[in-house]
Amino acid sequence: PRLCFIPSRATAEPLRRFLETLGISSDVAPIDALAELEPRTLHIFLLESRTEAEMYVAKFAGRHVERQMLVAGGEARPLVTSYSAIELDKSFARRFFEAVSGKIVRLGRSGCDGAE
């Protein structure tokens, strides 16, 4: 499986560096340029602004959930909490690592895109 961070205002660099220390490489794509979620790719949405959250809800919320992970902070948090977002708070690192490792394992074991 591939990992792709979708940041806008939020930065993915610290998370990408951390994952690289574990031997996991990743790409970055802006949310406004992403038309659909690619197969066999875990898309990690890092949302902080209201605009980013609204774009996420309109384009990706509830679609191919096995291919995405949502991290929300700031103005985005109240708009996406119903989509099981990991919050940017003091427990973020532990919860992010648990969630991303679980998603990678499930995506890798699936051997396919999962249900459409």
PDB file of N, CA and C in Angstrom:
ATOM      1  N   PRO A   1       0.821  -1.209   0.000  1.00  0.00           N
ATOM      2  CA  PRO A   1       0.000   0.000   0.000  1.00  0.00           C
ATOM      3  C   PRO A   1       0.858   1.263   0.000  1.00  0.00           C
ATOM      4  N   ARG A   2       0.328   2.319  -0.566  1.00  0.00           N
ATOM      5  CA  ARG A   2       0.972   3.631  -0.600  1.00  0.00           C
ATOM      6  C   ARG A   2       0.328   4.534   0.425  1.00  0.00           C
ATOM      7  N   LEU A   3       1.058   5.520   0.912  1.00  0.00           N
ATOM      8  CA  LEU A   3       0.509   6.543   1.802  1.00  0.00           C
ATOM      9  C   LEU A   3       0.573   7.879   1.098  1.00  0.00           C
ATOM     10  N   CYS A   4      -0.504   8.646   1.204  1.00  0.00           N
ATOM     11  CA  CYS A   4      -0.546   9.973   0.602  1.00  0.00           C
ATOM     12  C   CYS A   4      -1.173  10.931   1.605  1.00  0.00           C
ATOM     13  N   PHE A   5      -0.420  11.957   1.988  1.00  0.00           N
ATOM     14  CA  PHE A   5      -0.930  12.991   2.881  1.00  0.00           C
ATOM     15  C   PHE A   5      -1.631  14.059   2.064  1.00  0.00           C
ATOM     16  N   ILE A   6      -2.778  14.518   2.542  1.00  0.00           N
ATOM     17  CA  ILE A   6      -3.512  15.581   1.881  1.00  0.00           C
ATOM     18  C   ILE A   6      -3.608  16.751   2.857  1.00  0.00           C
ATOM     19  N   PRO A   7      -2.564  17.594   2.882  1.00  0.00           N
ATOM     20  CA  PRO A   7      -2.602  18.771   3.745  1.00  0.00           C
ATOM     21  C   PRO A   7      -2.959  19.999   2.927  1.00  0.00           C
ATOM     22  N   SER A   8      -3.407  21.004   3.584  1.00  0.00           N
ATOM     23  CA  SER A   8      -3.604  22.282   2.919  1.00  0.00           C
ATOM     24  C   SER A   8      -2.826  23.278   3.744  1.00  0.00           C
ATOM     25  N   ARG A   9      -3.444  23.771   4.791  1.00  0.00           N
ATOM     26  CA  ARG A   9      -2.735  24.678   5.679  1.00  0.00           C
ATOM     27  C   ARG A   9      -1.868  23.900   6.663  1.00  0.00           C
ATOM     28  N   ALA A  10      -2.334  22.736   7.057  1.00  0.00           N
ATOM     29  CA  ALA A  10      -1.582  21.908   8.014  1.00  0.00           C
ATOM     30  C   ALA A  10      -0.360  21.322   7.326  1.00  0.00           C
ATOM     31  N   THR A  11       0.678  21.079   8.085  1.00  0.00           N
ATOM     32  CA  THR A  11       1.889  20.521   7.493  1.00  0.00           C
ATOM     33  C   THR A  11       2.001  19.033   7.786  1.00  0.00           C
ATOM     34  N   ALA A  12       2.405  18.275   6.800  1.00  0.00           N
ATOM     35  CA  ALA A  12       2.563  16.827   6.946  1.00  0.00           C
ATOM     36  C   ALA A  12       4.004  16.441   7.221  1.00  0.00           C
ATOM     37  N   GLU A  13       4.932  17.362   7.124  1.00  0.00           N
ATOM     38  CA  GLU A  13       6.349  17.015   7.225  1.00  0.00           C
ATOM     39  C   GLU A  13       6.752  16.277   8.501  1.00  0.00           C
ATOM     40  N   PRO A  14       6.329  16.717   9.698  1.00  0.00           N
ATOM     41  CA  PRO A  14       6.730  15.953  10.892  1.00  0.00           C
ATOM     42  C   PRO A  14       6.205  14.508  10.863  1.00  0.00           C
ATOM     43  N   LEU A  15       4.988  14.330  10.393  1.00  0.00           N
ATOM     44  CA  LEU A  15       4.422  12.976  10.302  1.00  0.00           C
ATOM     45  C   LEU A  15       5.143  12.144   9.249  1.00  0.00           C
ATOM     46  N   ARG A  16       5.462  12.756   8.135  1.00  0.00           N
ATOM     47  CA  ARG A  16       6.181  12.047   7.074  1.00  0.00           C
ATOM     48  C   ARG A  16       7.567  11.629   7.555  1.00  0.00           C
ATOM     49  N   ARG A  17       8.269  12.524   8.252  1.00  0.00           N
ATOM     50  CA  ARG A  17       9.602  12.183   8.780  1.00  0.00           C
ATOM     51  C   ARG A  17       9.523  11.040   9.776  1.00  0.00           C
ATOM     52  N   PHE A  18       8.510  11.076  10.656  1.00  0.00           N
ATOM     53  CA  PHE A  18       8.326  10.004  11.622  1.00  0.00           C
ATOM     54  C   PHE A  18       8.098   8.670  10.909  1.00  0.00           C
ATOM     55  N   LEU A  19       7.222   8.640   9.935  1.00  0.00           N
ATOM     56  CA  LEU A  19       6.950   7.395   9.209  1.00  0.00           C
ATOM     57  C   LEU A  19       8.177   6.916   8.431  1.00  0.00           C
ATOM     58  N   GLU A  20       8.975   7.842   7.917  1.00  0.00           N
ATOM     59  CA  GLU A  20      10.205   7.454   7.210  1.00  0.00           C
ATOM     60  C   GLU A  20      11.178   6.749   8.139  1.00  0.00           C
ATOM     61  N   THR A  21      11.207   7.127   9.438  1.00  0.00           N
ATOM     62  CA  THR A  21      12.089   6.439  10.374  1.00  0.00           C
ATOM     63  C   THR A  21      11.657   4.981  10.555  1.00  0.00           C
ATOM     64  N   LEU A  22      10.409   4.679  10.223  1.00  0.00           N
ATOM     65  CA  LEU A  22       9.886   3.311  10.297  1.00  0.00           C
ATOM     66  C   LEU A  22       9.971   2.598   8.948  1.00  0.00           C
ATOM     67  N   GLY A  23      10.567   3.272   7.960  1.00  0.00           N
ATOM     68  CA  GLY A  23      10.696   2.683   6.631  1.00  0.00           C
ATOM     69  C   GLY A  23       9.461   2.831   5.769  1.00  0.00           C
ATOM     70  N   ILE A  24       8.575   3.761   6.126  1.00  0.00           N
ATOM     71  CA  ILE A  24       7.338   3.979   5.372  1.00  0.00           C
ATOM     72  C   ILE A  24       7.445   5.312   4.636  1.00  0.00           C
ATOM     73  N   SER A  25       7.443   5.262   3.313  1.00  0.00           N
ATOM     74  CA  SER A  25       7.506   6.501   2.539  1.00  0.00           C
ATOM     75  C   SER A  25       6.088   6.972   2.209  1.00  0.00           C
ATOM     76  N   SER A  26       5.973   8.245   1.859  1.00  0.00           N
ATOM     77  CA  SER A  26       4.660   8.812   1.565  1.00  0.00           C
ATOM     78  C   SER A  26       4.774   9.922   0.533  1.00  0.00           C
ATOM     79  N   ASP A  27       3.640  10.263  -0.049  1.00  0.00           N
ATOM     80  CA  ASP A  27       3.525  11.361  -1.002  1.00  0.00           C
ATOM     81  C   ASP A  27       2.655  12.449  -0.376  1.00  0.00           C
ATOM     82  N   VAL A  28       2.567  13.592  -1.060  1.00  0.00           N
ATOM     83  CA  VAL A  28       1.705  14.687  -0.624  1.00  0.00           C
ATOM     84  C   VAL A  28       0.906  15.164  -1.828  1.00  0.00           C
ATOM     85  N   ALA A  29      -0.386  15.420  -1.622  1.00  0.00           N
ATOM     86  CA  ALA A  29      -1.244  15.952  -2.680  1.00  0.00           C
ATOM     87  C   ALA A  29      -2.203  16.962  -2.069  1.00  0.00           C
ATOM     88  N   PRO A  30      -2.423  18.109  -2.714  1.00  0.00           N
ATOM     89  CA  PRO A  30      -3.372  19.088  -2.179  1.00  0.00           C
ATOM     90  C   PRO A  30      -4.811  18.591  -2.349  1.00  0.00           C
ATOM     91  N   ILE A  31      -5.667  18.884  -1.371  1.00  0.00           N
ATOM     92  CA  ILE A  31      -7.044  18.401  -1.402  1.00  0.00           C
ATOM     93  C   ILE A  31      -7.813  18.909  -2.615  1.00  0.00           C
ATOM     94  N   ASP A  32      -7.540  20.128  -3.047  1.00  0.00           N
ATOM     95  CA  ASP A  32      -8.285  20.668  -4.191  1.00  0.00           C
ATOM     96  C   ASP A  32      -7.860  20.046  -5.517  1.00  0.00           C
ATOM     97  N   ALA A  33      -6.713  19.372  -5.555  1.00  0.00           N
ATOM     98  CA  ALA A  33      -6.255  18.723  -6.792  1.00  0.00           C
ATOM     99  C   ALA A  33      -6.629  17.243  -6.844  1.00  0.00           C
ATOM    100  N   LEU A  34      -7.113  16.707  -5.751  1.00  0.00           N
ATOM    101  CA  LEU A  34      -7.435  15.290  -5.675  1.00  0.00           C
ATOM    102  C   LEU A  34      -8.864  15.068  -6.144  1.00  0.00           C
ATOM    103  N   ALA A  35      -9.017  14.304  -7.235  1.00  0.00           N
ATOM    104  CA  ALA A  35     -10.346  14.061  -7.791  1.00  0.00           C
ATOM    105  C   ALA A  35     -11.024  12.856  -7.143  1.00  0.00           C
ATOM    106  N   GLU A  36     -10.250  11.824  -6.856  1.00  0.00           N
ATOM    107  CA  GLU A  36     -10.804  10.631  -6.225  1.00  0.00           C
ATOM    108  C   GLU A  36      -9.716   9.927  -5.425  1.00  0.00           C
ATOM    109  N   LEU A  37     -10.113   8.989  -4.593  1.00  0.00           N
ATOM    110  CA  LEU A  37      -9.156   8.244  -3.784  1.00  0.00           C
ATOM    111  C   LEU A  37      -8.585   7.088  -4.598  1.00  0.00           C
ATOM    112  N   GLU A  38      -7.264   7.044  -4.676  1.00  0.00           N
ATOM    113  CA  GLU A  38      -6.600   6.027  -5.486  1.00  0.00           C
ATOM    114  C   GLU A  38      -6.652   4.662  -4.811  1.00  0.00           C
ATOM    115  N   PRO A  39      -6.758   3.589  -5.612  1.00  0.00           N
ATOM    116  CA  PRO A  39      -6.751   2.238  -5.052  1.00  0.00           C
ATOM    117  C   PRO A  39      -5.427   1.926  -4.360  1.00  0.00           C
ATOM    118  N   ARG A  40      -5.469   1.042  -3.373  1.00  0.00           N
ATOM    119  CA  ARG A  40      -4.290   0.567  -2.635  1.00  0.00           C
ATOM    120  C   ARG A  40      -3.457   1.707  -2.059  1.00  0.00           C
ATOM    121  N   THR A  41      -4.118   2.805  -1.721  1.00  0.00           N
ATOM    122  CA  THR A  41      -3.452   3.980  -1.153  1.00  0.00           C
ATOM    123  C   THR A  41      -4.223   4.428   0.078  1.00  0.00           C
ATOM    124  N   LEU A  42      -3.505   4.667   1.166  1.00  0.00           N
ATOM    125  CA  LEU A  42      -4.121   5.249   2.357  1.00  0.00           C
ATOM    126  C   LEU A  42      -3.951   6.756   2.262  1.00  0.00           C
ATOM    127  N   HIS A  43      -5.053   7.465   2.163  1.00  0.00           N
ATOM    128  CA  HIS A  43      -5.066   8.925   2.061  1.00  0.00           C
ATOM    129  C   HIS A  43      -5.269   9.495   3.457  1.00  0.00           C
ATOM    130  N   ILE A  44      -4.308  10.258   3.936  1.00  0.00           N
ATOM    131  CA  ILE A  44      -4.379  10.830   5.279  1.00  0.00           C
ATOM    132  C   ILE A  44      -4.700  12.316   5.142  1.00  0.00           C
ATOM    133  N   PHE A  45      -5.942  12.663   5.458  1.00  0.00           N
ATOM    134  CA  PHE A  45      -6.397  14.045   5.349  1.00  0.00           C
ATOM    135  C   PHE A  45      -6.051  14.790   6.634  1.00  0.00           C
ATOM    136  N   LEU A  46      -5.281  15.876   6.509  1.00  0.00           N
ATOM    137  CA  LEU A  46      -4.922  16.741   7.634  1.00  0.00           C
ATOM    138  C   LEU A  46      -5.698  18.044   7.463  1.00  0.00           C
ATOM    139  N   LEU A  47      -6.757  18.204   8.217  1.00  0.00           N
ATOM    140  CA  LEU A  47      -7.655  19.345   8.036  1.00  0.00           C
ATOM    141  C   LEU A  47      -7.615  20.275   9.235  1.00  0.00           C
ATOM    142  N   GLU A  48      -7.492  21.567   8.974  1.00  0.00           N
ATOM    143  CA  GLU A  48      -7.512  22.561  10.051  1.00  0.00           C
ATOM    144  C   GLU A  48      -8.517  23.682   9.793  1.00  0.00           C
ATOM    145  N   SER A  49      -8.759  24.018   8.551  1.00  0.00           N
ATOM    146  CA  SER A  49      -9.649  25.146   8.262  1.00  0.00           C
ATOM    147  C   SER A  49     -11.059  24.676   7.915  1.00  0.00           C
ATOM    148  N   ARG A  50     -11.982  25.581   8.028  1.00  0.00           N
ATOM    149  CA  ARG A  50     -13.383  25.311   7.658  1.00  0.00           C
ATOM    150  C   ARG A  50     -13.470  24.951   6.174  1.00  0.00           C
ATOM    151  N   THR A  51     -12.729  25.652   5.332  1.00  0.00           N
ATOM    152  CA  THR A  51     -12.744  25.393   3.888  1.00  0.00           C
ATOM    153  C   THR A  51     -12.269  23.983   3.578  1.00  0.00           C
ATOM    154  N   GLU A  52     -11.177  23.556   4.214  1.00  0.00           N
ATOM    155  CA  GLU A  52     -10.663  22.196   4.009  1.00  0.00           C
ATOM    156  C   GLU A  52     -11.699  21.160   4.432  1.00  0.00           C
ATOM    157  N   ALA A  53     -12.339  21.388   5.578  1.00  0.00           N
ATOM    158  CA  ALA A  53     -13.352  20.448   6.073  1.00  0.00           C
ATOM    159  C   ALA A  53     -14.536  20.374   5.128  1.00  0.00           C
ATOM    160  N   GLU A  54     -14.967  21.511   4.614  1.00  0.00           N
ATOM    161  CA  GLU A  54     -16.092  21.522   3.678  1.00  0.00           C
ATOM    162  C   GLU A  54     -15.741  20.804   2.382  1.00  0.00           C
ATOM    163  N   MET A  55     -14.515  20.984   1.895  1.00  0.00           N
ATOM    164  CA  MET A  55     -14.079  20.271   0.687  1.00  0.00           C
ATOM    165  C   MET A  55     -14.043  18.765   0.939  1.00  0.00           C
ATOM    166  N   TYR A  56     -13.540  18.370   2.106  1.00  0.00           N
ATOM    167  CA  TYR A  56     -13.483  16.945   2.455  1.00  0.00           C
ATOM    168  C   TYR A  56     -14.894  16.349   2.477  1.00  0.00           C
ATOM    169  N   VAL A  57     -15.810  17.004   3.179  1.00  0.00           N
ATOM    170  CA  VAL A  57     -17.177  16.495   3.303  1.00  0.00           C
ATOM    171  C   VAL A  57     -17.833  16.376   1.929  1.00  0.00           C
ATOM    172  N   ALA A  58     -17.658  17.386   1.087  1.00  0.00           N
ATOM    173  CA  ALA A  58     -18.283  17.375  -0.237  1.00  0.00           C
ATOM    174  C   ALA A  58     -17.699  16.307  -1.170  1.00  0.00           C
ATOM    175  N   LYS A  59     -16.399  16.058  -1.075  1.00  0.00           N
ATOM    176  CA  LYS A  59     -15.744  15.162  -2.043  1.00  0.00           C
ATOM    177  C   LYS A  59     -15.485  13.742  -1.549  1.00  0.00           C
ATOM    178  N   PHE A  60     -15.197  13.564  -0.250  1.00  0.00           N
ATOM    179  CA  PHE A  60     -14.679  12.269   0.196  1.00  0.00           C
ATOM    180  C   PHE A  60     -15.363  11.634   1.402  1.00  0.00           C
ATOM    181  N   ALA A  61     -16.114  12.379   2.170  1.00  0.00           N
ATOM    182  CA  ALA A  61     -16.722  11.836   3.393  1.00  0.00           C
ATOM    183  C   ALA A  61     -17.604  10.631   3.078  1.00  0.00           C
ATOM    184  N   GLY A  62     -17.340   9.523   3.759  1.00  0.00           N
ATOM    185  CA  GLY A  62     -18.137   8.313   3.587  1.00  0.00           C
ATOM    186  C   GLY A  62     -17.846   7.503   2.343  1.00  0.00           C
ATOM    187  N   ARG A  63     -16.887   7.927   1.546  1.00  0.00           N
ATOM    188  CA  ARG A  63     -16.544   7.211   0.304  1.00  0.00           C
ATOM    189  C   ARG A  63     -15.219   6.488   0.477  1.00  0.00           C
ATOM    190  N   HIS A  64     -15.202   5.211   0.206  1.00  0.00           N
ATOM    191  CA  HIS A  64     -13.983   4.394   0.305  1.00  0.00           C
ATOM    192  C   HIS A  64     -13.262   4.633   1.634  1.00  0.00           C
ATOM    193  N   VAL A  65     -13.973   4.458   2.717  1.00  0.00           N
ATOM    194  CA  VAL A  65     -13.401   4.740   4.037  1.00  0.00           C
ATOM    195  C   VAL A  65     -12.185   3.872   4.347  1.00  0.00           C
ATOM    196  N   GLU A  66     -12.065   2.730   3.701  1.00  0.00           N
ATOM    197  CA  GLU A  66     -10.891   1.876   3.909  1.00  0.00           C
ATOM    198  C   GLU A  66      -9.631   2.501   3.325  1.00  0.00           C
ATOM    199  N   ARG A  67      -9.783   3.517   2.490  1.00  0.00           N
ATOM    200  CA  ARG A  67      -8.643   4.189   1.860  1.00  0.00           C
ATOM    201  C   ARG A  67      -8.319   5.530   2.495  1.00  0.00           C
ATOM    202  N   GLN A  68      -8.947   5.863   3.608  1.00  0.00           N
ATOM    203  CA  GLN A  68      -8.698   7.190   4.172  1.00  0.00           C
ATOM    204  C   GLN A  68      -8.625   7.193   5.689  1.00  0.00           C
ATOM    205  N   MET A  69      -7.920   8.214   6.178  1.00  0.00           N
ATOM    206  CA  MET A  69      -7.810   8.492   7.588  1.00  0.00           C
ATOM    207  C   MET A  69      -7.924  10.003   7.748  1.00  0.00           C
ATOM    208  N   LEU A  70      -8.638  10.426   8.757  1.00  0.00           N
ATOM    209  CA  LEU A  70      -8.943  11.837   8.919  1.00  0.00           C
ATOM    210  C   LEU A  70      -8.339  12.370  10.215  1.00  0.00           C
ATOM    211  N   VAL A  71      -7.563  13.454  10.096  1.00  0.00           N
ATOM    212  CA  VAL A  71      -6.974  14.143  11.248  1.00  0.00           C
ATOM    213  C   VAL A  71      -7.513  15.569  11.216  1.00  0.00           C
ATOM    214  N   ALA A  72      -8.158  16.002  12.309  1.00  0.00           N
ATOM    215  CA  ALA A  72      -8.794  17.317  12.309  1.00  0.00           C
ATOM    216  C   ALA A  72      -8.388  18.147  13.511  1.00  0.00           C
ATOM    217  N   GLY A  73      -8.217  19.435  13.268  1.00  0.00           N
ATOM    218  CA  GLY A  73      -7.913  20.394  14.315  1.00  0.00           C
ATOM    219  C   GLY A  73      -8.496  21.743  13.941  1.00  0.00           C
ATOM    220  N   GLY A  74      -8.419  22.680  14.853  1.00  0.00           N
ATOM    221  CA  GLY A  74      -8.862  24.044  14.575  1.00  0.00           C
ATOM    222  C   GLY A  74     -10.319  24.127  14.156  1.00  0.00           C
ATOM    223  N   GLU A  75     -10.589  24.947  13.150  1.00  0.00           N
ATOM    224  CA  GLU A  75     -11.946  25.174  12.660  1.00  0.00           C
ATOM    225  C   GLU A  75     -12.556  23.932  12.011  1.00  0.00           C
ATOM    226  N   ALA A  76     -11.736  22.995  11.576  1.00  0.00           N
ATOM    227  CA  ALA A  76     -12.238  21.802  10.883  1.00  0.00           C
ATOM    228  C   ALA A  76     -12.870  20.799  11.840  1.00  0.00           C
ATOM    229  N   ARG A  77     -12.382  20.746  13.065  1.00  0.00           N
ATOM    230  CA  ARG A  77     -12.808  19.695  14.008  1.00  0.00           C
ATOM    231  C   ARG A  77     -14.321  19.574  14.152  1.00  0.00           C
ATOM    232  N   PRO A  78     -15.052  20.670  14.452  1.00  0.00           N
ATOM    233  CA  PRO A  78     -16.496  20.496  14.653  1.00  0.00           C
ATOM    234  C   PRO A  78     -17.248  20.055  13.395  1.00  0.00           C
ATOM    235  N   LEU A  79     -16.682  20.299  12.233  1.00  0.00           N
ATOM    236  CA  LEU A  79     -17.371  19.957  10.987  1.00  0.00           C
ATOM    237  C   LEU A  79     -17.192  18.502  10.568  1.00  0.00           C
ATOM    238  N   VAL A  80     -16.175  17.834  11.114  1.00  0.00           N
ATOM    239  CA  VAL A  80     -15.895  16.467  10.664  1.00  0.00           C
ATOM    240  C   VAL A  80     -15.870  15.436  11.792  1.00  0.00           C
ATOM    241  N   THR A  81     -16.241  15.805  12.998  1.00  0.00           N
ATOM    242  CA  THR A  81     -16.168  14.845  14.107  1.00  0.00           C
ATOM    243  C   THR A  81     -17.063  13.637  13.900  1.00  0.00           C
ATOM    244  N   SER A  82     -18.123  13.761  13.146  1.00  0.00           N
ATOM    245  CA  SER A  82     -18.989  12.608  12.895  1.00  0.00           C
ATOM    246  C   SER A  82     -18.327  11.596  11.963  1.00  0.00           C
ATOM    247  N   TYR A  83     -17.195  11.935  11.390  1.00  0.00           N
ATOM    248  CA  TYR A  83     -16.467  11.024  10.502  1.00  0.00           C
ATOM    249  C   TYR A  83     -15.264  10.392  11.203  1.00  0.00           C
ATOM    250  N   SER A  84     -15.281  10.331  12.524  1.00  0.00           N
ATOM    251  CA  SER A  84     -14.237   9.676  13.327  1.00  0.00           C
ATOM    252  C   SER A  84     -12.846  10.262  13.105  1.00  0.00           C
ATOM    253  N   ALA A  85     -12.734  11.533  13.216  1.00  0.00           N
ATOM    254  CA  ALA A  85     -11.442  12.200  13.045  1.00  0.00           C
ATOM    255  C   ALA A  85     -10.567  12.009  14.281  1.00  0.00           C
ATOM    256  N   ILE A  86      -9.263  11.891  14.056  1.00  0.00           N
ATOM    257  CA  ILE A  86      -8.292  11.908  15.141  1.00  0.00           C
ATOM    258  C   ILE A  86      -8.019  13.378  15.426  1.00  0.00           C
ATOM    259  N   GLU A  87      -8.174  13.776  16.663  1.00  0.00           N
ATOM    260  CA  GLU A  87      -8.005  15.183  17.000  1.00  0.00           C
ATOM    261  C   GLU A  87      -6.549  15.524  17.261  1.00  0.00           C
ATOM    262  N   LEU A  88      -6.185  16.756  16.905  1.00  0.00           N
ATOM    263  CA  LEU A  88      -4.838  17.265  17.155  1.00  0.00           C
ATOM    264  C   LEU A  88      -4.786  17.760  18.599  1.00  0.00           C
ATOM    265  N   ASP A  89      -4.468  16.860  19.525  1.00  0.00           N
ATOM    266  CA  ASP A  89      -4.370  17.220  20.926  1.00  0.00           C
ATOM    267  C   ASP A  89      -3.190  16.485  21.549  1.00  0.00           C
ATOM    268  N   LYS A  90      -3.095  16.448  22.877  1.00  0.00           N
ATOM    269  CA  LYS A  90      -1.923  15.873  23.529  1.00  0.00           C
ATOM    270  C   LYS A  90      -1.791  14.364  23.327  1.00  0.00           C
ATOM    271  N   SER A  91      -2.846  13.659  22.979  1.00  0.00           N
ATOM    272  CA  SER A  91      -2.787  12.211  22.730  1.00  0.00           C
ATOM    273  C   SER A  91      -2.655  11.883  21.248  1.00  0.00           C
ATOM    274  N   PHE A  92      -2.446  12.898  20.430  1.00  0.00           N
ATOM    275  CA  PHE A  92      -2.435  12.706  18.981  1.00  0.00           C
ATOM    276  C   PHE A  92      -1.420  11.668  18.514  1.00  0.00           C
ATOM    277  N   ALA A  93      -0.182  11.753  18.971  1.00  0.00           N
ATOM    278  CA  ALA A  93       0.877  10.868  18.463  1.00  0.00           C
ATOM    279  C   ALA A  93       0.523   9.399  18.646  1.00  0.00           C
ATOM    280  N   ARG A  94       0.088   9.034  19.829  1.00  0.00           N
ATOM    281  CA  ARG A  94      -0.269   7.636  20.104  1.00  0.00           C
ATOM    282  C   ARG A  94      -1.440   7.194  19.241  1.00  0.00           C
ATOM    283  N   ARG A  95      -2.495   7.999  19.201  1.00  0.00           N
ATOM    284  CA  ARG A  95      -3.683   7.619  18.423  1.00  0.00           C
ATOM    285  C   ARG A  95      -3.394   7.596  16.922  1.00  0.00           C
ATOM    286  N   PHE A  96      -2.571   8.547  16.443  1.00  0.00           N
ATOM    287  CA  PHE A  96      -2.222   8.553  15.023  1.00  0.00           C
ATOM    288  C   PHE A  96      -1.473   7.279  14.659  1.00  0.00           C
ATOM    289  N   PHE A  97      -0.475   6.926  15.457  1.00  0.00           N
ATOM    290  CA  PHE A  97       0.320   5.732  15.163  1.00  0.00           C
ATOM    291  C   PHE A  97      -0.549   4.471  15.186  1.00  0.00           C
ATOM    292  N   GLU A  98      -1.412   4.337  16.173  1.00  0.00           N
ATOM    293  CA  GLU A  98      -2.302   3.182  16.249  1.00  0.00           C
ATOM    294  C   GLU A  98      -3.224   3.111  15.037  1.00  0.00           C
ATOM    295  N   ALA A  99      -3.797   4.237  14.675  1.00  0.00           N
ATOM    296  CA  ALA A  99      -4.745   4.265  13.558  1.00  0.00           C
ATOM    297  C   ALA A  99      -4.059   4.011  12.220  1.00  0.00           C
ATOM    298  N   VAL A 100      -2.937   4.681  11.972  1.00  0.00           N
ATOM    299  CA  VAL A 100      -2.273   4.528  10.679  1.00  0.00           C
ATOM    300  C   VAL A 100      -1.716   3.116  10.527  1.00  0.00           C
ATOM    301  N   SER A 101      -1.176   2.530  11.588  1.00  0.00           N
ATOM    302  CA  SER A 101      -0.637   1.174  11.461  1.00  0.00           C
ATOM    303  C   SER A 101      -1.764   0.182  11.213  1.00  0.00           C
ATOM    304  N   GLY A 102      -2.893   0.346  11.881  1.00  0.00           N
ATOM    305  CA  GLY A 102      -4.033  -0.534  11.651  1.00  0.00           C
ATOM    306  C   GLY A 102      -4.569  -0.430  10.235  1.00  0.00           C
ATOM    307  N   LYS A 103      -4.675   0.797   9.725  1.00  0.00           N
ATOM    308  CA  LYS A 103      -5.171   1.008   8.362  1.00  0.00           C
ATOM    309  C   LYS A 103      -4.214   0.411   7.321  1.00  0.00           C
ATOM    310  N   ILE A 104      -2.905   0.588   7.530  1.00  0.00           N
ATOM    311  CA  ILE A 104      -1.918   0.051   6.595  1.00  0.00           C
ATOM    312  C   ILE A 104      -2.011  -1.477   6.556  1.00  0.00           C
ATOM    313  N   VAL A 105      -2.117  -2.095   7.721  1.00  0.00           N
ATOM    314  CA  VAL A 105      -2.207  -3.558   7.779  1.00  0.00           C
ATOM    315  C   VAL A 105      -3.469  -4.040   7.062  1.00  0.00           C
ATOM    316  N   ARG A 106      -4.612  -3.423   7.354  1.00  0.00           N
ATOM    317  CA  ARG A 106      -5.860  -3.850   6.705  1.00  0.00           C
ATOM    318  C   ARG A 106      -5.812  -3.637   5.200  1.00  0.00           C
ATOM    319  N   LEU A 107      -5.266  -2.500   4.764  1.00  0.00           N
ATOM    320  CA  LEU A 107      -5.175  -2.228   3.337  1.00  0.00           C
ATOM    321  C   LEU A 107      -4.217  -3.207   2.659  1.00  0.00           C
ATOM    322  N   GLY A 108      -3.112  -3.511   3.308  1.00  0.00           N
ATOM    323  CA  GLY A 108      -2.142  -4.468   2.759  1.00  0.00           C
ATOM    324  C   GLY A 108      -2.683  -5.870   2.698  1.00  0.00           C
ATOM    325  N   ARG A 109      -3.436  -6.291   3.688  1.00  0.00           N
ATOM    326  CA  ARG A 109      -3.982  -7.651   3.727  1.00  0.00           C
ATOM    327  C   ARG A 109      -5.143  -7.839   2.769  1.00  0.00           C
ATOM    328  N   SER A 110      -5.822  -6.755   2.442  1.00  0.00           N
ATOM    329  CA  SER A 110      -7.017  -6.877   1.601  1.00  0.00           C
ATOM    330  C   SER A 110      -6.679  -7.419   0.216  1.00  0.00           C
ATOM    331  N   GLY A 111      -5.508  -7.023  -0.315  1.00  0.00           N
ATOM    332  CA  GLY A 111      -5.116  -7.501  -1.645  1.00  0.00           C
ATOM    333  C   GLY A 111      -6.005  -6.967  -2.749  1.00  0.00           C
ATOM    334  N   CYS A 112      -6.947  -6.114  -2.385  1.00  0.00           N
ATOM    335  CA  CYS A 112      -7.843  -5.504  -3.371  1.00  0.00           C
ATOM    336  C   CYS A 112      -8.298  -4.170  -2.827  1.00  0.00           C
ATOM    337  N   ASP A 113      -9.136  -3.494  -3.561  1.00  0.00           N
ATOM    338  CA  ASP A 113      -9.598  -2.159  -3.151  1.00  0.00           C
ATOM    339  C   ASP A 113     -10.646  -2.195  -2.074  1.00  0.00           C
ATOM    340  N   GLY A 114     -11.250  -3.319  -1.817  1.00  0.00           N
ATOM    341  CA  GLY A 114     -12.348  -3.374  -0.867  1.00  0.00           C
ATOM    342  C   GLY A 114     -13.651  -3.072  -1.567  1.00  0.00           C
ATOM    343  N   ALA A 115     -14.714  -3.026  -0.828  1.00  0.00           N
ATOM    344  CA  ALA A 115     -16.040  -2.789  -1.394  1.00  0.00           C
ATOM    345  C   ALA A 115     -16.133  -1.386  -1.986  1.00  0.00           C
ATOM    346  N   GLU A 116     -16.786  -1.308  -3.085  1.00  0.00           N
ATOM    347  CA  GLU A 116     -16.977  -0.001  -3.756  1.00  0.00           C
ATOM    348  C   GLU A 116     -18.164   0.716  -3.174  1.00  0.00           C
TER     349      GLU A 116
END
